[in-house]
N, C-alpha and C. Protein backbone atom coordinates (compact mmCIF):
# COMPACT_ATOMS: atom_id res chain seq x y z
N TRP A 1 4.28 -15.28 3.34
CA TRP A 1 4.55 -13.93 2.89
C TRP A 1 3.81 -13.72 1.57
N THR A 2 3.02 -12.67 1.50
CA THR A 2 2.31 -12.35 0.26
C THR A 2 2.51 -10.87 -0.04
N CYS A 3 2.13 -10.46 -1.23
CA CYS A 3 2.27 -9.05 -1.57
C CYS A 3 1.19 -8.64 -2.57
N GLU A 4 1.01 -7.35 -2.68
CA GLU A 4 0.15 -6.77 -3.71
C GLU A 4 0.95 -5.70 -4.43
N PRO A 5 0.86 -5.66 -5.76
CA PRO A 5 0.14 -6.61 -6.59
C PRO A 5 0.74 -8.01 -6.43
N THR A 6 -0.12 -9.01 -6.64
CA THR A 6 0.31 -10.40 -6.48
C THR A 6 1.10 -10.85 -7.71
N THR A 7 1.44 -12.12 -7.71
CA THR A 7 2.12 -12.70 -8.87
C THR A 7 1.14 -13.34 -9.83
N SER A 8 -0.16 -13.13 -9.60
CA SER A 8 -1.18 -13.65 -10.52
C SER A 8 -1.10 -12.91 -11.85
N PHE A 9 -1.86 -13.36 -12.83
CA PHE A 9 -1.88 -12.67 -14.13
C PHE A 9 -2.32 -11.22 -13.97
N LEU A 10 -3.25 -10.95 -13.05
CA LEU A 10 -3.68 -9.58 -12.83
C LEU A 10 -2.58 -8.76 -12.16
N GLY A 11 -1.92 -9.35 -11.19
CA GLY A 11 -0.83 -8.66 -10.53
C GLY A 11 0.30 -8.31 -11.49
N ARG A 12 0.63 -9.25 -12.36
CA ARG A 12 1.69 -8.98 -13.35
C ARG A 12 1.25 -7.88 -14.32
N PHE A 13 -0.03 -7.87 -14.69
CA PHE A 13 -0.56 -6.83 -15.56
C PHE A 13 -0.44 -5.47 -14.88
N ILE A 14 -0.78 -5.40 -13.60
CA ILE A 14 -0.67 -4.15 -12.85
C ILE A 14 0.79 -3.68 -12.81
N ARG A 15 1.71 -4.59 -12.54
CA ARG A 15 3.15 -4.23 -12.52
C ARG A 15 3.58 -3.71 -13.89
N ASP A 16 3.11 -4.37 -14.96
CA ASP A 16 3.44 -3.90 -16.31
C ASP A 16 2.94 -2.48 -16.54
N ILE A 17 1.76 -2.17 -16.02
CA ILE A 17 1.22 -0.81 -16.15
C ILE A 17 2.14 0.16 -15.42
N PHE A 18 2.49 -0.16 -14.17
CA PHE A 18 3.36 0.72 -13.37
C PHE A 18 4.68 0.98 -14.06
N GLU A 19 5.22 -0.05 -14.65
CA GLU A 19 6.56 0.06 -15.23
C GLU A 19 6.54 0.51 -16.68
N GLY A 20 5.36 0.92 -17.17
CA GLY A 20 5.26 1.50 -18.50
C GLY A 20 5.26 0.51 -19.65
N ARG A 21 5.07 -0.77 -19.37
CA ARG A 21 5.07 -1.77 -20.44
C ARG A 21 3.68 -1.93 -21.07
N GLN A 22 2.66 -1.35 -20.46
CA GLN A 22 1.31 -1.44 -21.01
C GLN A 22 0.83 -0.12 -21.59
N ALA A 23 1.33 0.98 -21.07
CA ALA A 23 0.91 2.30 -21.53
C ALA A 23 1.93 3.33 -21.05
N ASP A 24 1.91 4.49 -21.68
CA ASP A 24 2.82 5.55 -21.27
C ASP A 24 2.37 6.25 -19.99
N THR A 25 1.08 6.22 -19.71
CA THR A 25 0.55 6.84 -18.51
C THR A 25 -0.33 5.83 -17.78
N LEU A 26 -0.56 6.11 -16.51
CA LEU A 26 -1.45 5.24 -15.74
C LEU A 26 -2.89 5.44 -16.18
N PRO A 27 -3.67 4.38 -16.16
CA PRO A 27 -5.11 4.55 -16.38
C PRO A 27 -5.69 5.40 -15.25
N PRO A 28 -6.93 5.88 -15.40
CA PRO A 28 -7.56 6.65 -14.32
C PRO A 28 -7.58 5.85 -13.01
N TRP A 29 -7.61 6.57 -11.90
CA TRP A 29 -7.53 5.95 -10.58
C TRP A 29 -8.61 4.91 -10.35
N LYS A 30 -9.82 5.12 -10.89
CA LYS A 30 -10.89 4.13 -10.69
C LYS A 30 -10.54 2.81 -11.37
N VAL A 31 -9.94 2.88 -12.53
CA VAL A 31 -9.54 1.65 -13.23
C VAL A 31 -8.48 0.92 -12.41
N MET A 32 -7.50 1.67 -11.91
CA MET A 32 -6.47 1.04 -11.10
C MET A 32 -7.06 0.45 -9.82
N SER A 33 -8.01 1.15 -9.21
CA SER A 33 -8.67 0.62 -8.01
C SER A 33 -9.37 -0.69 -8.29
N LEU A 34 -10.04 -0.76 -9.42
CA LEU A 34 -10.76 -2.00 -9.79
C LEU A 34 -9.79 -3.12 -10.13
N LEU A 35 -8.70 -2.80 -10.80
CA LEU A 35 -7.69 -3.83 -11.09
C LEU A 35 -7.10 -4.37 -9.78
N PHE A 36 -6.75 -3.48 -8.86
CA PHE A 36 -6.22 -3.93 -7.58
C PHE A 36 -7.25 -4.74 -6.81
N GLN A 37 -8.52 -4.32 -6.87
CA GLN A 37 -9.55 -5.05 -6.16
C GLN A 37 -9.70 -6.46 -6.72
N ALA A 38 -9.67 -6.59 -8.03
CA ALA A 38 -9.76 -7.93 -8.64
C ALA A 38 -8.56 -8.79 -8.24
N ASP A 39 -7.38 -8.21 -8.27
CA ASP A 39 -6.18 -8.93 -7.84
C ASP A 39 -6.28 -9.30 -6.36
N ARG A 40 -6.84 -8.40 -5.57
CA ARG A 40 -7.00 -8.65 -4.13
C ARG A 40 -7.94 -9.83 -3.87
N GLU A 41 -8.96 -9.96 -4.65
CA GLU A 41 -9.88 -11.09 -4.46
C GLU A 41 -9.14 -12.41 -4.66
N LEU A 42 -8.24 -12.47 -5.64
CA LEU A 42 -7.40 -13.66 -5.81
C LEU A 42 -6.47 -13.83 -4.62
N HIS A 43 -5.94 -12.73 -4.16
CA HIS A 43 -5.01 -12.71 -3.04
C HIS A 43 -5.68 -13.25 -1.76
N ILE A 44 -6.90 -12.83 -1.51
CA ILE A 44 -7.61 -13.23 -0.29
C ILE A 44 -7.77 -14.74 -0.19
N SER A 45 -8.04 -15.37 -1.31
CA SER A 45 -8.17 -16.84 -1.25
C SER A 45 -6.85 -17.48 -0.81
N LYS A 46 -5.74 -16.93 -1.25
CA LYS A 46 -4.43 -17.43 -0.83
C LYS A 46 -4.19 -17.15 0.66
N ILE A 47 -4.55 -15.96 1.10
CA ILE A 47 -4.38 -15.60 2.51
C ILE A 47 -5.20 -16.54 3.40
N GLN A 48 -6.46 -16.76 3.03
CA GLN A 48 -7.32 -17.61 3.85
C GLN A 48 -6.78 -19.04 3.94
N GLU A 49 -6.21 -19.52 2.88
CA GLU A 49 -5.64 -20.87 2.91
C GLU A 49 -4.39 -20.91 3.80
N GLU A 50 -3.52 -19.93 3.64
CA GLU A 50 -2.27 -19.91 4.40
C GLU A 50 -2.48 -19.66 5.89
N ARG A 51 -3.48 -18.88 6.25
CA ARG A 51 -3.66 -18.52 7.66
C ARG A 51 -4.23 -19.66 8.50
N LYS A 52 -4.62 -20.75 7.85
CA LYS A 52 -5.08 -21.92 8.60
C LYS A 52 -3.93 -22.52 9.41
N ASP A 53 -2.72 -22.43 8.87
CA ASP A 53 -1.56 -23.07 9.49
C ASP A 53 -0.52 -22.12 10.05
N SER A 54 -0.58 -20.84 9.69
CA SER A 54 0.48 -19.94 10.12
C SER A 54 0.03 -18.49 10.03
N TRP A 55 0.92 -17.62 10.47
CA TRP A 55 0.70 -16.19 10.33
C TRP A 55 0.92 -15.82 8.87
N VAL A 56 0.22 -14.82 8.41
CA VAL A 56 0.40 -14.35 7.04
C VAL A 56 0.82 -12.88 7.10
N VAL A 57 1.92 -12.59 6.45
CA VAL A 57 2.40 -11.21 6.35
C VAL A 57 2.16 -10.75 4.92
N CYS A 58 1.46 -9.64 4.80
CA CYS A 58 1.17 -9.08 3.47
C CYS A 58 1.99 -7.81 3.27
N ASP A 59 2.75 -7.79 2.21
CA ASP A 59 3.48 -6.59 1.82
C ASP A 59 2.52 -5.79 0.93
N ARG A 60 1.87 -4.86 1.53
CA ARG A 60 0.81 -4.03 0.96
C ARG A 60 -0.50 -4.81 0.96
N TYR A 61 -1.57 -4.05 1.16
CA TYR A 61 -2.91 -4.62 1.14
C TYR A 61 -3.85 -3.48 0.78
N TRP A 62 -5.09 -3.53 1.16
CA TRP A 62 -6.02 -2.54 0.63
C TRP A 62 -5.76 -1.13 1.14
N ILE A 63 -5.10 -0.98 2.28
CA ILE A 63 -4.79 0.37 2.76
C ILE A 63 -3.83 1.06 1.79
N SER A 64 -2.97 0.29 1.14
CA SER A 64 -2.10 0.88 0.12
C SER A 64 -2.92 1.43 -1.03
N SER A 65 -3.96 0.71 -1.43
CA SER A 65 -4.85 1.22 -2.48
C SER A 65 -5.50 2.52 -2.03
N TYR A 66 -5.93 2.54 -0.77
CA TYR A 66 -6.56 3.73 -0.20
C TYR A 66 -5.63 4.94 -0.33
N ILE A 67 -4.37 4.73 -0.02
CA ILE A 67 -3.39 5.83 -0.10
C ILE A 67 -3.06 6.17 -1.56
N TYR A 68 -2.60 5.17 -2.31
CA TYR A 68 -2.09 5.42 -3.65
C TYR A 68 -3.16 5.88 -4.64
N GLN A 69 -4.30 5.20 -4.68
CA GLN A 69 -5.31 5.59 -5.67
C GLN A 69 -5.95 6.92 -5.33
N SER A 70 -6.08 7.23 -4.02
CA SER A 70 -6.63 8.54 -3.69
C SER A 70 -5.65 9.66 -4.06
N LEU A 71 -4.37 9.40 -3.91
CA LEU A 71 -3.38 10.39 -4.37
C LEU A 71 -3.41 10.52 -5.89
N SER A 72 -3.62 9.41 -6.58
CA SER A 72 -3.71 9.46 -8.04
C SER A 72 -4.90 10.29 -8.48
N ALA A 73 -6.03 10.15 -7.77
CA ALA A 73 -7.22 10.94 -8.10
C ALA A 73 -6.92 12.42 -7.96
N GLU A 74 -6.19 12.76 -6.91
CA GLU A 74 -5.81 14.15 -6.69
C GLU A 74 -4.89 14.64 -7.80
N GLN A 75 -3.93 13.80 -8.21
CA GLN A 75 -2.98 14.17 -9.26
C GLN A 75 -3.67 14.37 -10.61
N GLU A 76 -4.75 13.61 -10.86
CA GLU A 76 -5.46 13.70 -12.14
C GLU A 76 -6.21 15.01 -12.29
N GLU A 77 -6.54 15.64 -11.17
CA GLU A 77 -7.33 16.86 -11.20
C GLU A 77 -6.44 18.08 -11.34
N PRO A 78 -6.56 18.83 -12.46
CA PRO A 78 -5.70 20.00 -12.67
C PRO A 78 -6.07 21.20 -11.78
N ASN A 79 -7.32 21.29 -11.36
CA ASN A 79 -7.78 22.43 -10.59
C ASN A 79 -7.44 22.23 -9.12
N ARG A 80 -6.59 23.08 -8.58
CA ARG A 80 -6.13 22.94 -7.19
C ARG A 80 -7.26 22.92 -6.18
N ARG A 81 -8.30 23.72 -6.42
CA ARG A 81 -9.40 23.79 -5.45
C ARG A 81 -10.19 22.49 -5.39
N ILE A 82 -10.16 21.72 -6.46
CA ILE A 82 -10.95 20.49 -6.52
C ILE A 82 -10.14 19.27 -6.07
N LYS A 83 -8.83 19.38 -6.03
CA LYS A 83 -7.95 18.25 -5.73
C LYS A 83 -8.35 17.48 -4.46
N LEU A 84 -8.54 18.18 -3.36
CA LEU A 84 -8.87 17.50 -2.10
C LEU A 84 -10.23 16.84 -2.15
N ALA A 85 -11.17 17.45 -2.85
CA ALA A 85 -12.50 16.84 -3.00
C ALA A 85 -12.38 15.54 -3.81
N GLU A 86 -11.53 15.54 -4.82
CA GLU A 86 -11.32 14.32 -5.62
C GLU A 86 -10.67 13.22 -4.79
N ARG A 87 -9.73 13.62 -3.95
CA ARG A 87 -9.07 12.65 -3.09
C ARG A 87 -10.08 12.03 -2.12
N LYS A 88 -10.94 12.85 -1.53
CA LYS A 88 -11.96 12.37 -0.59
C LYS A 88 -12.94 11.43 -1.30
N LYS A 89 -13.34 11.80 -2.50
CA LYS A 89 -14.26 10.95 -3.28
C LYS A 89 -13.60 9.59 -3.56
N ALA A 90 -12.33 9.61 -3.91
CA ALA A 90 -11.61 8.36 -4.19
C ALA A 90 -11.51 7.52 -2.92
N GLN A 91 -11.22 8.16 -1.79
CA GLN A 91 -11.13 7.41 -0.53
C GLN A 91 -12.45 6.72 -0.20
N GLU A 92 -13.56 7.42 -0.38
CA GLU A 92 -14.87 6.82 -0.10
C GLU A 92 -15.14 5.65 -1.05
N TYR A 93 -14.79 5.80 -2.30
CA TYR A 93 -14.98 4.74 -3.29
C TYR A 93 -14.15 3.50 -2.92
N ILE A 94 -12.90 3.72 -2.55
CA ILE A 94 -12.01 2.60 -2.20
C ILE A 94 -12.48 1.92 -0.92
N LEU A 95 -12.95 2.70 0.05
CA LEU A 95 -13.51 2.10 1.27
C LEU A 95 -14.70 1.21 0.93
N GLU A 96 -15.55 1.68 0.06
CA GLU A 96 -16.71 0.89 -0.33
C GLU A 96 -16.30 -0.40 -1.05
N LEU A 97 -15.33 -0.29 -1.95
CA LEU A 97 -14.84 -1.47 -2.67
C LEU A 97 -14.30 -2.53 -1.71
N ASN A 98 -13.71 -2.09 -0.62
CA ASN A 98 -13.03 -3.00 0.29
C ASN A 98 -13.80 -3.27 1.59
N ARG A 99 -15.04 -2.88 1.61
CA ARG A 99 -15.85 -3.05 2.82
C ARG A 99 -15.93 -4.50 3.27
N HIS A 100 -15.97 -5.43 2.34
CA HIS A 100 -16.20 -6.84 2.69
C HIS A 100 -14.95 -7.71 2.58
N VAL A 101 -13.80 -7.11 2.32
CA VAL A 101 -12.60 -7.94 2.23
C VAL A 101 -12.11 -8.30 3.63
N LEU A 102 -11.31 -9.33 3.69
CA LEU A 102 -10.69 -9.75 4.93
C LEU A 102 -9.87 -8.60 5.49
N GLN A 103 -10.13 -8.24 6.73
CA GLN A 103 -9.44 -7.11 7.34
C GLN A 103 -8.19 -7.58 8.08
N PRO A 104 -7.14 -6.80 8.05
CA PRO A 104 -5.91 -7.19 8.75
C PRO A 104 -6.07 -7.11 10.26
N ASP A 105 -5.38 -8.00 10.95
CA ASP A 105 -5.37 -7.96 12.41
C ASP A 105 -4.45 -6.87 12.93
N LEU A 106 -3.39 -6.62 12.18
CA LEU A 106 -2.40 -5.65 12.60
C LEU A 106 -1.77 -5.05 11.34
N VAL A 107 -1.63 -3.74 11.33
CA VAL A 107 -1.06 -3.03 10.18
C VAL A 107 0.18 -2.27 10.63
N PHE A 108 1.28 -2.52 9.94
CA PHE A 108 2.50 -1.76 10.18
C PHE A 108 2.68 -0.79 9.03
N ILE A 109 2.81 0.47 9.35
CA ILE A 109 3.14 1.46 8.35
C ILE A 109 4.59 1.83 8.60
N LEU A 110 5.42 1.48 7.64
CA LEU A 110 6.86 1.74 7.77
C LEU A 110 7.13 3.11 7.19
N ASP A 111 7.22 4.09 8.07
CA ASP A 111 7.45 5.47 7.65
C ASP A 111 8.90 5.65 7.25
N VAL A 112 9.09 6.01 6.00
CA VAL A 112 10.44 6.21 5.48
C VAL A 112 10.44 7.51 4.69
N THR A 113 11.46 8.32 4.91
CA THR A 113 11.55 9.58 4.18
C THR A 113 11.83 9.28 2.70
N PRO A 114 11.35 10.13 1.81
CA PRO A 114 11.57 9.89 0.38
C PRO A 114 13.05 9.73 0.01
N SER A 115 13.94 10.48 0.66
CA SER A 115 15.36 10.37 0.31
C SER A 115 15.93 9.00 0.68
N VAL A 116 15.53 8.46 1.82
CA VAL A 116 15.98 7.12 2.22
C VAL A 116 15.36 6.08 1.30
N ALA A 117 14.08 6.24 0.99
CA ALA A 117 13.42 5.29 0.08
C ALA A 117 14.13 5.26 -1.27
N LEU A 118 14.55 6.40 -1.75
CA LEU A 118 15.24 6.47 -3.04
C LEU A 118 16.54 5.68 -3.01
N THR A 119 17.29 5.77 -1.92
CA THR A 119 18.56 5.03 -1.85
C THR A 119 18.33 3.53 -1.81
N ARG A 120 17.16 3.11 -1.34
CA ARG A 120 16.86 1.68 -1.24
C ARG A 120 16.29 1.10 -2.52
N THR A 121 15.90 1.94 -3.46
CA THR A 121 15.30 1.44 -4.69
C THR A 121 16.14 1.70 -5.92
N THR A 122 17.33 2.19 -5.75
CA THR A 122 18.15 2.55 -6.92
C THR A 122 18.57 1.34 -7.74
N SER A 123 18.44 0.15 -7.19
CA SER A 123 18.84 -1.04 -7.95
C SER A 123 17.79 -1.44 -8.99
N LYS A 124 16.59 -0.85 -8.89
CA LYS A 124 15.54 -1.19 -9.85
C LYS A 124 15.88 -0.62 -11.22
N GLN A 125 15.48 -1.34 -12.24
CA GLN A 125 15.74 -0.92 -13.62
C GLN A 125 14.91 0.30 -14.01
N THR A 126 13.62 0.30 -13.61
CA THR A 126 12.73 1.37 -14.03
C THR A 126 12.08 2.02 -12.82
N GLU A 127 11.74 3.28 -12.96
CA GLU A 127 11.04 4.01 -11.91
C GLU A 127 9.58 4.04 -12.30
N ASP A 128 8.70 3.52 -11.40
CA ASP A 128 7.29 3.54 -11.74
C ASP A 128 6.65 4.86 -11.29
N PHE A 129 5.39 5.03 -11.62
CA PHE A 129 4.66 6.27 -11.36
C PHE A 129 4.77 6.70 -9.91
N TYR A 130 4.62 5.76 -8.98
CA TYR A 130 4.60 6.09 -7.57
C TYR A 130 5.99 6.36 -7.01
N GLU A 131 7.02 6.12 -7.78
CA GLU A 131 8.38 6.36 -7.31
C GLU A 131 8.92 7.72 -7.75
N LYS A 132 8.15 8.44 -8.52
CA LYS A 132 8.58 9.78 -8.91
C LYS A 132 8.60 10.67 -7.65
N SER A 133 9.52 11.61 -7.60
CA SER A 133 9.78 12.34 -6.36
C SER A 133 8.55 13.02 -5.76
N GLU A 134 7.72 13.65 -6.60
CA GLU A 134 6.55 14.34 -6.03
C GLU A 134 5.55 13.34 -5.43
N MET A 135 5.43 12.16 -6.04
CA MET A 135 4.55 11.14 -5.49
C MET A 135 5.16 10.51 -4.23
N ARG A 136 6.48 10.36 -4.21
CA ARG A 136 7.14 9.84 -3.00
C ARG A 136 6.83 10.73 -1.80
N ARG A 137 6.96 12.02 -2.01
CA ARG A 137 6.69 12.97 -0.91
C ARG A 137 5.23 12.90 -0.47
N ALA A 138 4.32 12.92 -1.43
CA ALA A 138 2.89 12.89 -1.11
C ALA A 138 2.51 11.58 -0.42
N THR A 139 3.09 10.48 -0.90
CA THR A 139 2.80 9.17 -0.32
C THR A 139 3.33 9.08 1.10
N ALA A 140 4.55 9.52 1.31
CA ALA A 140 5.14 9.50 2.66
C ALA A 140 4.29 10.31 3.62
N GLU A 141 3.84 11.47 3.18
CA GLU A 141 3.00 12.33 4.02
C GLU A 141 1.66 11.66 4.31
N ALA A 142 1.05 11.05 3.30
CA ALA A 142 -0.25 10.40 3.48
C ALA A 142 -0.15 9.24 4.45
N TYR A 143 0.89 8.43 4.33
CA TYR A 143 1.08 7.32 5.27
C TYR A 143 1.36 7.84 6.69
N LYS A 144 2.15 8.88 6.78
CA LYS A 144 2.50 9.43 8.10
C LYS A 144 1.24 9.92 8.82
N ASN A 145 0.31 10.45 8.05
CA ASN A 145 -0.93 10.99 8.63
C ASN A 145 -2.05 9.97 8.71
N TYR A 146 -1.79 8.75 8.30
CA TYR A 146 -2.83 7.73 8.30
C TYR A 146 -2.99 7.15 9.70
N PHE A 147 -4.11 7.37 10.28
CA PHE A 147 -4.45 6.72 11.54
C PHE A 147 -5.87 6.18 11.44
N GLY A 148 -6.65 6.77 10.64
CA GLY A 148 -8.06 6.62 10.49
C GLY A 148 -8.82 5.35 10.71
N LEU A 149 -8.72 4.40 9.83
CA LEU A 149 -9.73 3.37 9.74
C LEU A 149 -9.70 2.34 10.84
N PHE A 150 -8.57 1.92 11.28
CA PHE A 150 -8.49 1.04 12.44
C PHE A 150 -7.31 1.47 13.29
N GLU A 151 -7.48 2.55 14.00
CA GLU A 151 -6.39 3.11 14.79
C GLU A 151 -5.76 2.10 15.73
N GLU A 152 -6.59 1.30 16.38
CA GLU A 152 -6.04 0.37 17.37
C GLU A 152 -5.18 -0.72 16.74
N ASN A 153 -5.29 -0.93 15.44
CA ASN A 153 -4.52 -1.97 14.76
C ASN A 153 -3.41 -1.42 13.88
N VAL A 154 -3.16 -0.12 13.94
CA VAL A 154 -2.15 0.50 13.10
C VAL A 154 -0.96 0.93 13.95
N VAL A 155 0.23 0.48 13.54
CA VAL A 155 1.46 0.84 14.23
C VAL A 155 2.41 1.47 13.22
N HIS A 156 2.85 2.67 13.52
CA HIS A 156 3.84 3.34 12.68
C HIS A 156 5.23 3.01 13.20
N ILE A 157 6.14 2.66 12.30
CA ILE A 157 7.53 2.36 12.64
C ILE A 157 8.41 3.29 11.80
N ASN A 158 9.39 3.90 12.44
CA ASN A 158 10.35 4.73 11.71
C ASN A 158 11.27 3.80 10.93
N ALA A 159 11.07 3.74 9.62
CA ALA A 159 11.84 2.81 8.78
C ALA A 159 13.06 3.46 8.16
N ASP A 160 13.42 4.65 8.60
CA ASP A 160 14.68 5.24 8.16
C ASP A 160 15.87 4.55 8.84
N LYS A 161 15.58 3.81 9.90
CA LYS A 161 16.61 3.10 10.64
C LYS A 161 17.08 1.87 9.85
N PRO A 162 18.20 1.28 10.26
CA PRO A 162 18.66 0.05 9.59
C PRO A 162 17.60 -1.06 9.67
N ALA A 163 17.61 -1.93 8.67
CA ALA A 163 16.60 -2.99 8.55
C ALA A 163 16.50 -3.86 9.80
N ALA A 164 17.62 -4.18 10.43
CA ALA A 164 17.60 -5.04 11.62
C ALA A 164 16.85 -4.37 12.77
N ILE A 165 17.01 -3.08 12.92
CA ILE A 165 16.31 -2.36 13.99
C ILE A 165 14.82 -2.28 13.67
N VAL A 166 14.49 -2.01 12.42
CA VAL A 166 13.07 -1.96 12.02
C VAL A 166 12.43 -3.33 12.28
N ALA A 167 13.10 -4.40 11.89
CA ALA A 167 12.56 -5.75 12.11
C ALA A 167 12.36 -6.01 13.60
N PHE A 168 13.32 -5.61 14.42
CA PHE A 168 13.20 -5.79 15.86
C PHE A 168 11.99 -5.04 16.41
N GLU A 169 11.79 -3.80 15.96
CA GLU A 169 10.66 -3.00 16.42
C GLU A 169 9.33 -3.62 15.99
N VAL A 170 9.28 -4.15 14.78
CA VAL A 170 8.06 -4.82 14.30
C VAL A 170 7.76 -6.03 15.18
N LEU A 171 8.77 -6.87 15.42
CA LEU A 171 8.57 -8.06 16.25
C LEU A 171 8.18 -7.70 17.68
N THR A 172 8.73 -6.61 18.20
CA THR A 172 8.36 -6.15 19.53
C THR A 172 6.88 -5.79 19.59
N GLU A 173 6.40 -5.12 18.56
CA GLU A 173 4.99 -4.73 18.51
C GLU A 173 4.08 -5.97 18.37
N VAL A 174 4.50 -6.93 17.59
CA VAL A 174 3.73 -8.18 17.46
C VAL A 174 3.66 -8.85 18.82
N HIS A 175 4.79 -8.91 19.50
CA HIS A 175 4.84 -9.52 20.83
C HIS A 175 3.89 -8.80 21.79
N LYS A 176 3.91 -7.49 21.79
CA LYS A 176 3.04 -6.72 22.68
C LYS A 176 1.56 -7.04 22.42
N LYS A 177 1.22 -7.13 21.15
CA LYS A 177 -0.19 -7.35 20.79
C LYS A 177 -0.62 -8.78 21.03
N TYR A 178 0.23 -9.72 20.75
CA TYR A 178 -0.19 -11.13 20.77
C TYR A 178 0.56 -11.99 21.80
N GLU A 179 1.48 -11.39 22.52
CA GLU A 179 2.26 -12.13 23.53
C GLU A 179 2.84 -13.42 22.97
N VAL A 180 3.49 -13.27 21.82
CA VAL A 180 4.16 -14.40 21.18
C VAL A 180 5.64 -14.07 21.02
N LEU A 181 6.37 -14.98 20.45
CA LEU A 181 7.79 -14.78 20.13
C LEU A 181 8.63 -14.60 21.39
N ARG A 182 8.32 -15.34 22.42
CA ARG A 182 9.12 -15.27 23.66
C ARG A 182 10.37 -16.05 23.53
């Protein structure tokens, strides 16, 4: 099991930024994209080592950067008419950054409504930039509409359901794709 940001020094730095321990506001989206990309390079070496012996499950990967940083680019732009162009420019930049990274075999997008997500994160001490209500809504919508880059490897799961049902649905999809877990 791995996650992004990782527990490396870069991953901890990114978490500190999110939680306001490094600055009052997020750096520009390009800076965050580059920080995540650097952390991802460290992450990939861990993934490659672990996948020699077992399956590797990543809690977030570069598609999360694609969603979050492109939304950040849109948020940074005050002019409404330019917002979508900024988002598209950010998406192209992030795609280019991640062109050569290890690609996932299967991607699960756990679609969860912002209100359900909020009830599941109330135990956290601080709310980071992406947990603010307007970003929750935009992020949920962006993930819901994400089919693009590898449609055949992307599975959407309704994660508003109880965790046990979501886990069962994920395992069912893995079984369908790989005929394992009999």
